[in-house]
PDB file of N, CA and C in Angstrom:
ATOM      1  N   UNK A   1     110.786 121.296  85.978  1.00  0.00           N
ATOM      2  CA  UNK A   1     109.366 121.094  86.154  1.00  0.00           C
ATOM      3  C   UNK A   1     109.051 119.609  86.365  1.00  0.00           C
ATOM      4  N   UNK A   2     109.636 118.725  85.557  1.00  0.00           N
ATOM      5  CA  UNK A   2     109.278 117.318  85.641  1.00  0.00           C
ATOM      6  C   UNK A   2     109.744 116.675  86.937  1.00  0.00           C
ATOM      7  N   UNK A   3     110.892 117.089  87.463  1.00  0.00           N
ATOM      8  CA  UNK A   3     111.359 116.485  88.714  1.00  0.00           C
ATOM      9  C   UNK A   3     110.392 116.789  89.849  1.00  0.00           C
ATOM     10  N   UNK A   4     109.732 117.942  89.796  1.00  0.00           N
ATOM     11  CA  UNK A   4     108.763 118.284  90.840  1.00  0.00           C
ATOM     12  C   UNK A   4     107.566 117.350  90.809  1.00  0.00           C
ATOM     13  N   UNK A   5     107.241 116.823  89.646  1.00  0.00           N
ATOM     14  CA  UNK A   5     106.093 115.937  89.533  1.00  0.00           C
ATOM     15  C   UNK A   5     106.297 114.633  90.287  1.00  0.00           C
ATOM     16  N   UNK A   6     107.533 114.227  90.420  1.00  0.00           N
ATOM     17  CA  UNK A   6     107.804 112.932  91.012  1.00  0.00           C
ATOM     18  C   UNK A   6     108.287 113.018  92.453  1.00  0.00           C
ATOM     19  N   UNK A   7     108.403 114.218  92.969  1.00  0.00           N
ATOM     20  CA  UNK A   7     108.789 114.389  94.359  1.00  0.00           C
ATOM     21  C   UNK A   7     107.559 114.221  95.246  1.00  0.00           C
ATOM     22  N   UNK A   8     107.768 113.750  96.449  1.00  0.00           N
ATOM     23  CA  UNK A   8     106.658 113.634  97.400  1.00  0.00           C
ATOM     24  C   UNK A   8     106.211 115.044  97.779  1.00  0.00           C
ATOM     25  N   UNK A   9     104.899 115.326  97.703  1.00  0.00           N
ATOM     26  CA  UNK A   9     104.433 116.672  98.055  1.00  0.00           C
ATOM     27  C   UNK A   9     104.769 117.009  99.494  1.00  0.00           C
ATOM     28  N   UNK A  10     105.130 118.259  99.730  1.00  0.00           N
ATOM     29  CA  UNK A  10     105.404 118.654 101.111  1.00  0.00           C
ATOM     30  C   UNK A  10     104.129 118.597 101.938  1.00  0.00           C
ATOM     31  N   UNK A  11     104.280 118.363 103.213  1.00  0.00           N
ATOM     32  CA  UNK A  11     103.095 118.299 104.074  1.00  0.00           C
ATOM     33  C   UNK A  11     102.653 119.686 104.518  1.00  0.00           C
ATOM     34  N   UNK A  12     103.554 120.666 104.462  1.00  0.00           N
ATOM     35  CA  UNK A  12     103.214 122.033 104.841  1.00  0.00           C
ATOM     36  C   UNK A  12     102.922 122.841 103.582  1.00  0.00           C
ATOM     37  N   UNK A  13     101.693 122.777 103.137  1.00  0.00           N
ATOM     38  CA  UNK A  13     101.255 123.528 101.965  1.00  0.00           C
ATOM     39  C   UNK A  13     100.169 124.486 102.426  1.00  0.00           C
ATOM     40  N   UNK A  14     100.320 125.783 102.136  1.00  0.00           N
ATOM     41  CA  UNK A  14      99.310 126.732 102.597  1.00  0.00           C
ATOM     42  C   UNK A  14      97.943 126.464 101.967  1.00  0.00           C
ATOM     43  N   UNK A  15      96.923 126.963 102.614  1.00  0.00           N
ATOM     44  CA  UNK A  15      95.573 126.808 102.100  1.00  0.00           C
ATOM     45  C   UNK A  15      94.809 125.740 102.845  1.00  0.00           C
ATOM     46  N   UNK A  16      93.584 125.533 102.388  1.00  0.00           N
ATOM     47  CA  UNK A  16      92.715 124.535 103.010  1.00  0.00           C
ATOM     48  C   UNK A  16      92.451 123.403 102.035  1.00  0.00           C
ATOM     49  N   UNK A  17      92.219 122.224 102.568  1.00  0.00           N
ATOM     50  CA  UNK A  17      91.893 121.074 101.742  1.00  0.00           C
ATOM     51  C   UNK A  17      92.424 119.803 102.350  1.00  0.00           C
ATOM     52  N   UNK A  18      91.811 118.680 101.962  1.00  0.00           N
ATOM     53  CA  UNK A  18      92.188 117.387 102.514  1.00  0.00           C
ATOM     54  C   UNK A  18      93.115 116.601 101.593  1.00  0.00           C
ATOM     55  N   UNK A  19      93.595 117.247 100.527  1.00  0.00           N
ATOM     56  CA  UNK A  19      94.434 116.568  99.544  1.00  0.00           C
ATOM     57  C   UNK A  19      95.485 117.550  99.031  1.00  0.00           C
ATOM     58  N   UNK A  20      96.654 117.037  98.668  1.00  0.00           N
ATOM     59  CA  UNK A  20      97.721 117.861  98.100  1.00  0.00           C
ATOM     60  C   UNK A  20      98.096 117.287  96.743  1.00  0.00           C
ATOM     61  N   UNK A  21      98.194 118.153  95.757  1.00  0.00           N
ATOM     62  CA  UNK A  21      98.643 117.773  94.424  1.00  0.00           C
ATOM     63  C   UNK A  21      99.513 118.875  93.864  1.00  0.00           C
ATOM     64  N   UNK A  22     100.036 118.679  92.668  1.00  0.00           N
ATOM     65  CA  UNK A  22     100.787 119.723  91.976  1.00  0.00           C
ATOM     66  C   UNK A  22      99.881 120.324  90.923  1.00  0.00           C
ATOM     67  N   UNK A  23      99.652 121.636  91.003  1.00  0.00           N
ATOM     68  CA  UNK A  23      98.709 122.296  90.115  1.00  0.00           C
ATOM     69  C   UNK A  23      99.368 123.406  89.312  1.00  0.00           C
ATOM     70  N   UNK A  24      98.884 123.542  88.072  1.00  0.00           N
ATOM     71  CA  UNK A  24      99.186 124.727  87.275  1.00  0.00           C
ATOM     72  C   UNK A  24      98.130 125.762  87.637  1.00  0.00           C
ATOM     73  N   UNK A  25      98.542 126.969  87.904  1.00  0.00           N
ATOM     74  CA  UNK A  25      97.613 128.036  88.264  1.00  0.00           C
ATOM     75  C   UNK A  25      97.210 128.885  87.062  1.00  0.00           C
ATOM     76  N   UNK A  26      97.974 128.762  85.970  1.00  0.00           N
ATOM     77  CA  UNK A  26      97.718 129.571  84.779  1.00  0.00           C
ATOM     78  C   UNK A  26      98.395 128.912  83.577  1.00  0.00           C
ATOM     79  N   UNK A  27      98.378 129.585  82.434  1.00  0.00           N
ATOM     80  CA  UNK A  27      98.897 128.998  81.192  1.00  0.00           C
ATOM     81  C   UNK A  27     100.413 128.862  81.155  1.00  0.00           C
ATOM     82  N   UNK A  28     101.117 129.301  82.198  1.00  0.00           N
ATOM     83  CA  UNK A  28     102.572 129.071  82.239  1.00  0.00           C
ATOM     84  C   UNK A  28     102.863 127.577  82.336  1.00  0.00           C
ATOM     85  N   UNK A  29     101.921 126.820  82.897  1.00  0.00           N
ATOM     86  CA  UNK A  29     102.110 125.380  83.068  1.00  0.00           C
ATOM     87  C   UNK A  29     103.017 125.014  84.221  1.00  0.00           C
ATOM     88  N   UNK A  30     103.503 126.001  84.967  1.00  0.00           N
ATOM     89  CA  UNK A  30     104.371 125.738  86.113  1.00  0.00           C
ATOM     90  C   UNK A  30     103.535 125.074  87.209  1.00  0.00           C
ATOM     91  N   UNK A  31     104.027 123.948  87.707  1.00  0.00           N
ATOM     92  CA  UNK A  31     103.311 123.199  88.739  1.00  0.00           C
ATOM     93  C   UNK A  31     103.872 123.520  90.116  1.00  0.00           C
ATOM     94  N   UNK A  32     102.970 123.695  91.070  1.00  0.00           N
ATOM     95  CA  UNK A  32     103.365 123.968  92.451  1.00  0.00           C
ATOM     96  C   UNK A  32     102.417 123.226  93.377  1.00  0.00           C
ATOM     97  N   UNK A  33     102.869 122.885  94.586  1.00  0.00           N
ATOM     98  CA  UNK A  33     101.984 122.203  95.541  1.00  0.00           C
ATOM     99  C   UNK A  33     100.700 123.012  95.754  1.00  0.00           C
ATOM    100  N   UNK A  34      99.584 122.277  95.849  1.00  0.00           N
ATOM    101  CA  UNK A  34      98.266 122.905  95.911  1.00  0.00           C
ATOM    102  C   UNK A  34      97.346 122.039  96.762  1.00  0.00           C
ATOM    103  N   UNK A  35      96.625 122.665  97.675  1.00  0.00           N
ATOM    104  CA  UNK A  35      95.641 121.954  98.501  1.00  0.00           C
ATOM    105  C   UNK A  35      94.268 122.064  97.867  1.00  0.00           C
ATOM    106  N   UNK A  36      93.527 120.955  97.918  1.00  0.00           N
ATOM    107  CA  UNK A  36      92.149 120.960  97.425  1.00  0.00           C
ATOM    108  C   UNK A  36      91.363 119.903  98.180  1.00  0.00           C
ATOM    109  N   UNK A  37      90.055 119.951  98.060  1.00  0.00           N
ATOM    110  CA  UNK A  37      89.192 119.007  98.770  1.00  0.00           C
ATOM    111  C   UNK A  37      88.695 117.898  97.853  1.00  0.00           C
ATOM    112  N   UNK A  38      88.753 116.698  98.339  1.00  0.00           N
ATOM    113  CA  UNK A  38      88.112 115.552  97.704  1.00  0.00           C
ATOM    114  C   UNK A  38      86.834 115.279  98.468  1.00  0.00           C
ATOM    115  N   UNK A  39      85.819 114.833  97.772  1.00  0.00           N
ATOM    116  CA  UNK A  39      84.568 114.494  98.436  1.00  0.00           C
ATOM    117  C   UNK A  39      84.755 113.223  99.258  1.00  0.00           C
ATOM    118  N   UNK A  40      83.815 112.951 100.112  1.00  0.00           N
ATOM    119  CA  UNK A  40      83.848 111.728 100.916  1.00  0.00           C
ATOM    120  C   UNK A  40      83.699 110.513 100.014  1.00  0.00           C
ATOM    121  N   UNK A  41      84.206 109.384 100.465  1.00  0.00           N
ATOM    122  CA  UNK A  41      84.107 108.137  99.710  1.00  0.00           C
ATOM    123  C   UNK A  41      82.653 107.695  99.659  1.00  0.00           C
ATOM    124  N   UNK A  42      82.158 107.459  98.446  1.00  0.00           N
ATOM    125  CA  UNK A  42      80.787 107.003  98.251  1.00  0.00           C
ATOM    126  C   UNK A  42      80.698 105.491  98.297  1.00  0.00           C
ATOM    127  N   UNK A  43      79.495 104.928  98.207  1.00  0.00           N
ATOM    128  CA  UNK A  43      79.304 103.484  98.348  1.00  0.00           C
ATOM    129  C   UNK A  43      80.015 102.652  97.281  1.00  0.00           C
ATOM    130  N   UNK A  44      80.273 103.215  96.114  1.00  0.00           N
ATOM    131  CA  UNK A  44      80.926 102.457  95.037  1.00  0.00           C
ATOM    132  C   UNK A  44      82.339 102.959  94.757  1.00  0.00           C
ATOM    133  N   UNK A  45      82.899 103.759  95.655  1.00  0.00           N
ATOM    134  CA  UNK A  45      84.218 104.364  95.455  1.00  0.00           C
ATOM    135  C   UNK A  45      85.339 103.558  96.088  1.00  0.00           C
ATOM    136  N   UNK A  46      86.526 103.715  95.506  1.00  0.00           N
ATOM    137  CA  UNK A  46      87.764 103.180  96.056  1.00  0.00           C
ATOM    138  C   UNK A  46      88.698 104.369  96.258  1.00  0.00           C
ATOM    139  N   UNK A  47      89.109 104.616  97.494  1.00  0.00           N
ATOM    140  CA  UNK A  47      90.016 105.717  97.813  1.00  0.00           C
ATOM    141  C   UNK A  47      91.437 105.184  97.723  1.00  0.00           C
ATOM    142  N   UNK A  48      92.225 105.798  96.856  1.00  0.00           N
ATOM    143  CA  UNK A  48      93.597 105.347  96.602  1.00  0.00           C
ATOM    144  C   UNK A  48      94.592 106.372  97.118  1.00  0.00           C
ATOM    145  N   UNK A  49      95.563 105.915  97.886  1.00  0.00           N
ATOM    146  CA  UNK A  49      96.707 106.747  98.241  1.00  0.00           C
ATOM    147  C   UNK A  49      97.661 106.638  97.060  1.00  0.00           C
ATOM    148  N   UNK A  50      97.782 107.706  96.293  1.00  0.00           N
ATOM    149  CA  UNK A  50      98.563 107.663  95.055  1.00  0.00           C
ATOM    150  C   UNK A  50     100.048 107.672  95.378  1.00  0.00           C
ATOM    151  N   UNK A  51     100.750 106.666  94.864  1.00  0.00           N
ATOM    152  CA  UNK A  51     102.198 106.582  95.027  1.00  0.00           C
ATOM    153  C   UNK A  51     102.926 107.066  93.780  1.00  0.00           C
ATOM    154  N   UNK A  52     102.319 106.840  92.610  1.00  0.00           N
ATOM    155  CA  UNK A  52     102.929 107.205  91.338  1.00  0.00           C
ATOM    156  C   UNK A  52     101.858 107.688  90.376  1.00  0.00           C
ATOM    157  N   UNK A  53     102.209 108.680  89.547  1.00  0.00           N
ATOM    158  CA  UNK A  53     101.297 109.164  88.511  1.00  0.00           C
ATOM    159  C   UNK A  53     102.102 109.409  87.250  1.00  0.00           C
ATOM    160  N   UNK A  54     101.565 108.946  86.138  1.00  0.00           N
ATOM    161  CA  UNK A  54     102.219 109.197  84.867  1.00  0.00           C
ATOM    162  C   UNK A  54     101.873 110.583  84.366  1.00  0.00           C
ATOM    163  N   UNK A  55     102.721 111.105  83.511  1.00  0.00           N
ATOM    164  CA  UNK A  55     102.433 112.373  82.850  1.00  0.00           C
ATOM    165  C   UNK A  55     102.827 112.211  81.389  1.00  0.00           C
ATOM    166  N   UNK A  56     101.997 112.722  80.515  1.00  0.00           N
ATOM    167  CA  UNK A  56     102.284 112.611  79.090  1.00  0.00           C
ATOM    168  C   UNK A  56     101.995 113.946  78.423  1.00  0.00           C
ATOM    169  N   UNK A  57     102.133 113.973  77.118  1.00  0.00           N
ATOM    170  CA  UNK A  57     101.958 115.228  76.380  1.00  0.00           C
ATOM    171  C   UNK A  57     100.595 115.851  76.614  1.00  0.00           C
ATOM    172  N   UNK A  58      99.558 115.031  76.791  1.00  0.00           N
ATOM    173  CA  UNK A  58      98.223 115.599  77.002  1.00  0.00           C
ATOM    174  C   UNK A  58      98.156 116.376  78.317  1.00  0.00           C
ATOM    175  N   UNK A  59      98.859 115.903  79.351  1.00  0.00           N
ATOM    176  CA  UNK A  59      98.898 116.621  80.624  1.00  0.00           C
ATOM    177  C   UNK A  59      99.621 117.960  80.474  1.00  0.00           C
ATOM    178  N   UNK A  60     100.711 117.966  79.721  1.00  0.00           N
ATOM    179  CA  UNK A  60     101.468 119.199  79.512  1.00  0.00           C
ATOM    180  C   UNK A  60     100.633 120.208  78.732  1.00  0.00           C
ATOM    181  N   UNK A  61      99.990 119.764  77.643  1.00  0.00           N
ATOM    182  CA  UNK A  61      99.145 120.663  76.849  1.00  0.00           C
ATOM    183  C   UNK A  61      97.980 121.197  77.684  1.00  0.00           C
ATOM    184  N   UNK A  62      97.379 120.341  78.498  1.00  0.00           N
ATOM    185  CA  UNK A  62      96.258 120.767  79.336  1.00  0.00           C
ATOM    186  C   UNK A  62      96.729 121.783  80.371  1.00  0.00           C
ATOM    187  N   UNK A  63      97.841 121.504  81.045  1.00  0.00           N
ATOM    188  CA  UNK A  63      98.365 122.413  82.052  1.00  0.00           C
ATOM    189  C   UNK A  63      98.694 123.784  81.499  1.00  0.00           C
ATOM    190  N   UNK A  64      99.127 123.833  80.241  1.00  0.00           N
ATOM    191  CA  UNK A  64      99.463 125.109  79.604  1.00  0.00           C
ATOM    192  C   UNK A  64      98.266 125.750  78.906  1.00  0.00           C
ATOM    193  N   UNK A  65      97.114 125.090  78.979  1.00  0.00           N
ATOM    194  CA  UNK A  65      95.922 125.654  78.359  1.00  0.00           C
ATOM    195  C   UNK A  65      95.969 125.657  76.837  1.00  0.00           C
ATOM    196  N   UNK A  66      96.744 124.761  76.259  1.00  0.00           N
ATOM    197  CA  UNK A  66      96.896 124.730  74.802  1.00  0.00           C
ATOM    198  C   UNK A  66      95.734 124.030  74.103  1.00  0.00           C
ATOM    199  N   UNK A  67      94.918 123.340  74.872  1.00  0.00           N
ATOM    200  CA  UNK A  67      93.702 122.749  74.340  1.00  0.00           C
ATOM    201  C   UNK A  67      92.539 123.470  75.008  1.00  0.00           C
ATOM    202  N   UNK A  68      91.470 123.602  74.319  1.00  0.00           N
ATOM    203  CA  UNK A  68      90.314 124.333  74.866  1.00  0.00           C
ATOM    204  C   UNK A  68      89.787 123.661  76.136  1.00  0.00           C
ATOM    205  N   UNK A  69      89.325 124.486  77.066  1.00  0.00           N
ATOM    206  CA  UNK A  69      88.622 123.950  78.223  1.00  0.00           C
ATOM    207  C   UNK A  69      89.403 123.792  79.500  1.00  0.00           C
ATOM    208  N   UNK A  70      90.688 124.206  79.545  1.00  0.00           N
ATOM    209  CA  UNK A  70      91.428 124.061  80.795  1.00  0.00           C
ATOM    210  C   UNK A  70      90.862 125.010  81.842  1.00  0.00           C
ATOM    211  N   UNK A  71      90.595 124.472  83.004  1.00  0.00           N
ATOM    212  CA  UNK A  71      90.068 125.230  84.129  1.00  0.00           C
ATOM    213  C   UNK A  71      91.152 125.238  85.203  1.00  0.00           C
ATOM    214  N   UNK A  72      91.521 126.420  85.668  1.00  0.00           N
ATOM    215  CA  UNK A  72      92.591 126.540  86.661  1.00  0.00           C
ATOM    216  C   UNK A  72      92.022 126.798  88.045  1.00  0.00           C
ATOM    217  N   UNK A  73      92.687 126.303  89.087  1.00  0.00           N
ATOM    218  CA  UNK A  73      93.906 125.499  89.047  1.00  0.00           C
ATOM    219  C   UNK A  73      93.648 124.114  88.445  1.00  0.00           C
ATOM    220  N   UNK A  74      94.671 123.588  87.780  1.00  0.00           N
ATOM    221  CA  UNK A  74      94.575 122.302  87.087  1.00  0.00           C
ATOM    222  C   UNK A  74      95.650 121.368  87.637  1.00  0.00           C
ATOM    223  N   UNK A  75      95.240 120.199  88.120  1.00  0.00           N
ATOM    224  CA  UNK A  75      96.179 119.189  88.611  1.00  0.00           C
ATOM    225  C   UNK A  75      96.278 118.105  87.540  1.00  0.00           C
ATOM    226  N   UNK A  76      97.307 118.184  86.668  1.00  0.00           N
ATOM    227  CA  UNK A  76      97.420 117.194  85.599  1.00  0.00           C
ATOM    228  C   UNK A  76      97.985 115.874  86.117  1.00  0.00           C
ATOM    229  N   UNK A  77      97.816 114.849  85.317  1.00  0.00           N
ATOM    230  CA  UNK A  77      98.351 113.531  85.656  1.00  0.00           C
ATOM    231  C   UNK A  77      97.260 112.494  85.624  1.00  0.00           C
ATOM    232  N   UNK A  78      97.586 111.349  85.137  1.00  0.00           N
ATOM    233  CA  UNK A  78      96.649 110.230  85.091  1.00  0.00           C
ATOM    234  C   UNK A  78      97.475 108.952  85.063  1.00  0.00           C
ATOM    235  N   UNK A  79      96.827 107.847  84.897  1.00  0.00           N
ATOM    236  CA  UNK A  79      97.517 106.553  84.944  1.00  0.00           C
ATOM    237  C   UNK A  79      98.273 106.431  86.264  1.00  0.00           C
ATOM    238  N   UNK A  80      97.501 106.306  87.332  1.00  0.00           N
ATOM    239  CA  UNK A  80      98.051 106.312  88.682  1.00  0.00           C
ATOM    240  C   UNK A  80      98.223 104.902  89.234  1.00  0.00           C
ATOM    241  N   UNK A  81      99.106 104.785  90.218  1.00  0.00           N
ATOM    242  CA  UNK A  81      99.288 103.535  90.947  1.00  0.00           C
ATOM    243  C   UNK A  81      99.448 103.867  92.417  1.00  0.00           C
ATOM    244  N   UNK A  82      98.919 103.006  93.259  1.00  0.00           N
ATOM    245  CA  UNK A  82      99.014 103.246  94.692  1.00  0.00           C
ATOM    246  C   UNK A  82      98.379 102.136  95.489  1.00  0.00           C
ATOM    247  N   UNK A  83      97.880 102.481  96.684  1.00  0.00           N
ATOM    248  CA  UNK A  83      97.301 101.509  97.599  1.00  0.00           C
ATOM    249  C   UNK A  83      95.906 101.944  98.009  1.00  0.00           C
ATOM    250  N   UNK A  84      95.012 100.977  98.138  1.00  0.00           N
ATOM    251  CA  UNK A  84      93.654 101.253  98.613  1.00  0.00           C
ATOM    252  C   UNK A  84      93.719 101.573 100.100  1.00  0.00           C
ATOM    253  N   UNK A  85      93.128 102.728 100.474  1.00  0.00           N
ATOM    254  CA  UNK A  85      93.104 103.095 101.895  1.00  0.00           C
ATOM    255  C   UNK A  85      91.677 103.153 102.447  1.00  0.00           C
ATOM    256  N   UNK A  86      90.674 103.077 101.557  1.00  0.00           N
ATOM    257  CA  UNK A  86      89.279 103.047 102.001  1.00  0.00           C
ATOM    258  C   UNK A  86      88.412 102.582 100.833  1.00  0.00           C
ATOM    259  N   UNK A  87      87.356 101.846 101.134  1.00  0.00           N
ATOM    260  CA  UNK A  87      86.413 101.411 100.103  1.00  0.00           C
ATOM    261  C   UNK A  87      84.983 101.696 100.556  1.00  0.00           C
ATOM    262  N   UNK A  88      84.105 101.922  99.587  1.00  0.00           N
ATOM    263  CA  UNK A  88      82.698 102.121  99.885  1.00  0.00           C
ATOM    264  C   UNK A  88      82.005 100.810 100.219  1.00  0.00           C
ATOM    265  N   UNK A  89      80.822 100.922 100.781  1.00  0.00           N
ATOM    266  CA  UNK A  89      80.062  99.760 101.244  1.00  0.00           C
ATOM    267  C   UNK A  89      79.736  98.750 100.150  1.00  0.00           C
ATOM    268  N   UNK A  90      79.594  99.204  98.905  1.00  0.00           N
ATOM    269  CA  UNK A  90      79.200  98.313  97.814  1.00  0.00           C
ATOM    270  C   UNK A  90      80.391  97.752  97.026  1.00  0.00           C
ATOM    271  N   UNK A  91      81.601  98.105  97.403  1.00  0.00           N
ATOM    272  CA  UNK A  91      82.800  97.634  96.700  1.00  0.00           C
ATOM    273  C   UNK A  91      83.102  96.202  97.114  1.00  0.00           C
ATOM    274  N   UNK A  92      83.267  95.321  96.121  1.00  0.00           N
ATOM    275  CA  UNK A  92      83.529  93.910  96.412  1.00  0.00           C
ATOM    276  C   UNK A  92      84.856  93.406  95.842  1.00  0.00           C
ATOM    277  N   UNK A  93      85.416  94.110  94.874  1.00  0.00           N
ATOM    278  CA  UNK A  93      86.624  93.608  94.205  1.00  0.00           C
ATOM    279  C   UNK A  93      87.933  94.123  94.809  1.00  0.00           C
ATOM    280  N   UNK A  94      87.844  95.099  95.719  1.00  0.00           N
ATOM    281  CA  UNK A  94      89.047  95.674  96.315  1.00  0.00           C
ATOM    282  C   UNK A  94      88.882  95.764  97.823  1.00  0.00           C
ATOM    283  N   UNK A  95      90.042  95.717  98.515  1.00  0.00           N
ATOM    284  CA  UNK A  95      90.018  95.869  99.972  1.00  0.00           C
ATOM    285  C   UNK A  95      91.189  96.756 100.388  1.00  0.00           C
ATOM    286  N   UNK A  96      91.096  97.312 101.575  1.00  0.00           N
ATOM    287  CA  UNK A  96      92.158  98.168 102.094  1.00  0.00           C
ATOM    288  C   UNK A  96      93.484  97.410 102.055  1.00  0.00           C
ATOM    289  N   UNK A  97      94.514  98.083 101.563  1.00  0.00           N
ATOM    290  CA  UNK A  97      95.846  97.486 101.460  1.00  0.00           C
ATOM    291  C   UNK A  97      96.182  96.949 100.087  1.00  0.00           C
ATOM    292  N   UNK A  98      95.179  96.748  99.212  1.00  0.00           N
ATOM    293  CA  UNK A  98      95.441  96.253  97.855  1.00  0.00           C
ATOM    294  C   UNK A  98      96.288  97.246  97.071  1.00  0.00           C
ATOM    295  N   UNK A  99      97.201  96.723  96.233  1.00  0.00           N
ATOM    296  CA  UNK A  99      97.919  97.543  95.265  1.00  0.00           C
ATOM    297  C   UNK A  99      97.000  97.704  94.063  1.00  0.00           C
ATOM    298  N   UNK A 100      96.853  98.936  93.571  1.00  0.00           N
ATOM    299  CA  UNK A 100      95.931  99.195  92.459  1.00  0.00           C
ATOM    300  C   UNK A 100      96.535 100.181  91.474  1.00  0.00           C
ATOM    301  N   UNK A 101      95.971 100.187  90.283  1.00  0.00           N
ATOM    302  CA  UNK A 101      96.338 101.147  89.255  1.00  0.00           C
ATOM    303  C   UNK A 101      95.100 101.567  88.494  1.00  0.00           C
ATOM    304  N   UNK A 102      95.107 102.783  87.994  1.00  0.00           N
ATOM    305  CA  UNK A 102      93.987 103.312  87.216  1.00  0.00           C
ATOM    306  C   UNK A 102      94.550 103.936  85.954  1.00  0.00           C
ATOM    307  N   UNK A 103      94.040 103.528  84.805  1.00  0.00           N
ATOM    308  CA  UNK A 103      94.457 104.113  83.547  1.00  0.00           C
ATOM    309  C   UNK A 103      93.515 105.228  83.136  1.00  0.00           C
ATOM    310  N   UNK A 104      94.062 106.203  82.456  1.00  0.00           N
ATOM    311  CA  UNK A 104      93.304 107.367  81.966  1.00  0.00           C
ATOM    312  C   UNK A 104      92.483 108.015  83.069  1.00  0.00           C
ATOM    313  N   UNK A 105      91.343 108.566  82.711  1.00  0.00           N
ATOM    314  CA  UNK A 105      90.544 109.317  83.678  1.00  0.00           C
ATOM    315  C   UNK A 105      89.226 108.611  83.920  1.00  0.00           C
ATOM    316  N   UNK A 106      88.763 108.674  85.137  1.00  0.00           N
ATOM    317  CA  UNK A 106      87.487 108.080  85.489  1.00  0.00           C
ATOM    318  C   UNK A 106      86.700 109.040  86.353  1.00  0.00           C
ATOM    319  N   UNK A 107      85.469 109.319  85.955  1.00  0.00           N
ATOM    320  CA  UNK A 107      84.513 110.085  86.736  1.00  0.00           C
ATOM    321  C   UNK A 107      84.946 111.529  86.974  1.00  0.00           C
ATOM    322  N   UNK A 108      84.092 112.277  87.613  1.00  0.00           N
ATOM    323  CA  UNK A 108      84.349 113.657  88.022  1.00  0.00           C
ATOM    324  C   UNK A 108      83.442 113.968  89.198  1.00  0.00           C
ATOM    325  N   UNK A 109      83.697 115.101  89.832  1.00  0.00           N
ATOM    326  CA  UNK A 109      82.874 115.456  91.001  1.00  0.00           C
ATOM    327  C   UNK A 109      81.490 115.940  90.578  1.00  0.00           C
ATOM    328  N   UNK A 110      81.365 116.471  89.383  1.00  0.00           N
ATOM    329  CA  UNK A 110      80.111 116.964  88.810  1.00  0.00           C
ATOM    330  C   UNK A 110      79.525 118.141  89.572  1.00  0.00           C
ATOM    331  N   UNK A 111      80.305 118.782  90.462  1.00  0.00           N
ATOM    332  CA  UNK A 111      79.733 119.892  91.213  1.00  0.00           C
ATOM    333  C   UNK A 111      80.619 121.140  91.299  1.00  0.00           C
ATOM    334  N   UNK A 112      81.922 121.023  91.053  1.00  0.00           N
ATOM    335  CA  UNK A 112      82.780 122.210  91.134  1.00  0.00           C
ATOM    336  C   UNK A 112      82.523 123.121  89.937  1.00  0.00           C
ATOM    337  N   UNK A 113      83.112 124.312  89.945  1.00  0.00           N
ATOM    338  CA  UNK A 113      82.858 125.249  88.853  1.00  0.00           C
ATOM    339  C   UNK A 113      83.360 124.722  87.513  1.00  0.00           C
ATOM    340  N   UNK A 114      84.437 123.947  87.494  1.00  0.00           N
ATOM    341  CA  UNK A 114      84.922 123.392  86.224  1.00  0.00           C
ATOM    342  C   UNK A 114      83.940 122.388  85.650  1.00  0.00           C
ATOM    343  N   UNK A 115      83.426 121.500  86.488  1.00  0.00           N
ATOM    344  CA  UNK A 115      82.438 120.511  86.032  1.00  0.00           C
ATOM    345  C   UNK A 115      81.126 121.197  85.647  1.00  0.00           C
ATOM    346  N   UNK A 116      80.720 122.191  86.421  1.00  0.00           N
ATOM    347  CA  UNK A 116      79.463 122.890  86.149  1.00  0.00           C
ATOM    348  C   UNK A 116      79.513 123.632  84.827  1.00  0.00           C
ATOM    349  N   UNK A 117      80.694 124.184  84.481  1.00  0.00           N
ATOM    350  CA  UNK A 117      80.822 124.928  83.235  1.00  0.00           C
ATOM    351  C   UNK A 117      80.658 124.040  82.014  1.00  0.00           C
ATOM    352  N   UNK A 118      80.869 122.724  82.179  1.00  0.00           N
ATOM    353  CA  UNK A 118      80.760 121.797  81.051  1.00  0.00           C
ATOM    354  C   UNK A 118      79.353 121.252  80.845  1.00  0.00           C
ATOM    355  N   UNK A 119      78.457 121.507  81.782  1.00  0.00           N
ATOM    356  CA  UNK A 119      77.105 120.967  81.697  1.00  0.00           C
ATOM    357  C   UNK A 119      76.331 121.647  80.588  1.00  0.00           C
TER     358      UNK A 119
END
């Protein structure tokens, strides 16, 4: 399971979406390539091409649904590193091509069924 997390996702993944990640589909916690949609870059957003993502016990517990609130499909992983590929109009501290990293989790789409269920 863990070696799959660090492999480059295949480009031929069935389904629709502008992004590919490894998702758990149920409480088995088994991760498989999964297509999903990311929203367009907003004025204060930084779009990162993720090169590396950390995984820790919290990701494993979440993927297996061992903590309350897991919504499937679930793409675990946080503490990412990569390169900026697009920035919003109001972004001043980053530019395309910068190496960047993000710790823990930041923001949410606030509109999918998982986010809506938490409101």
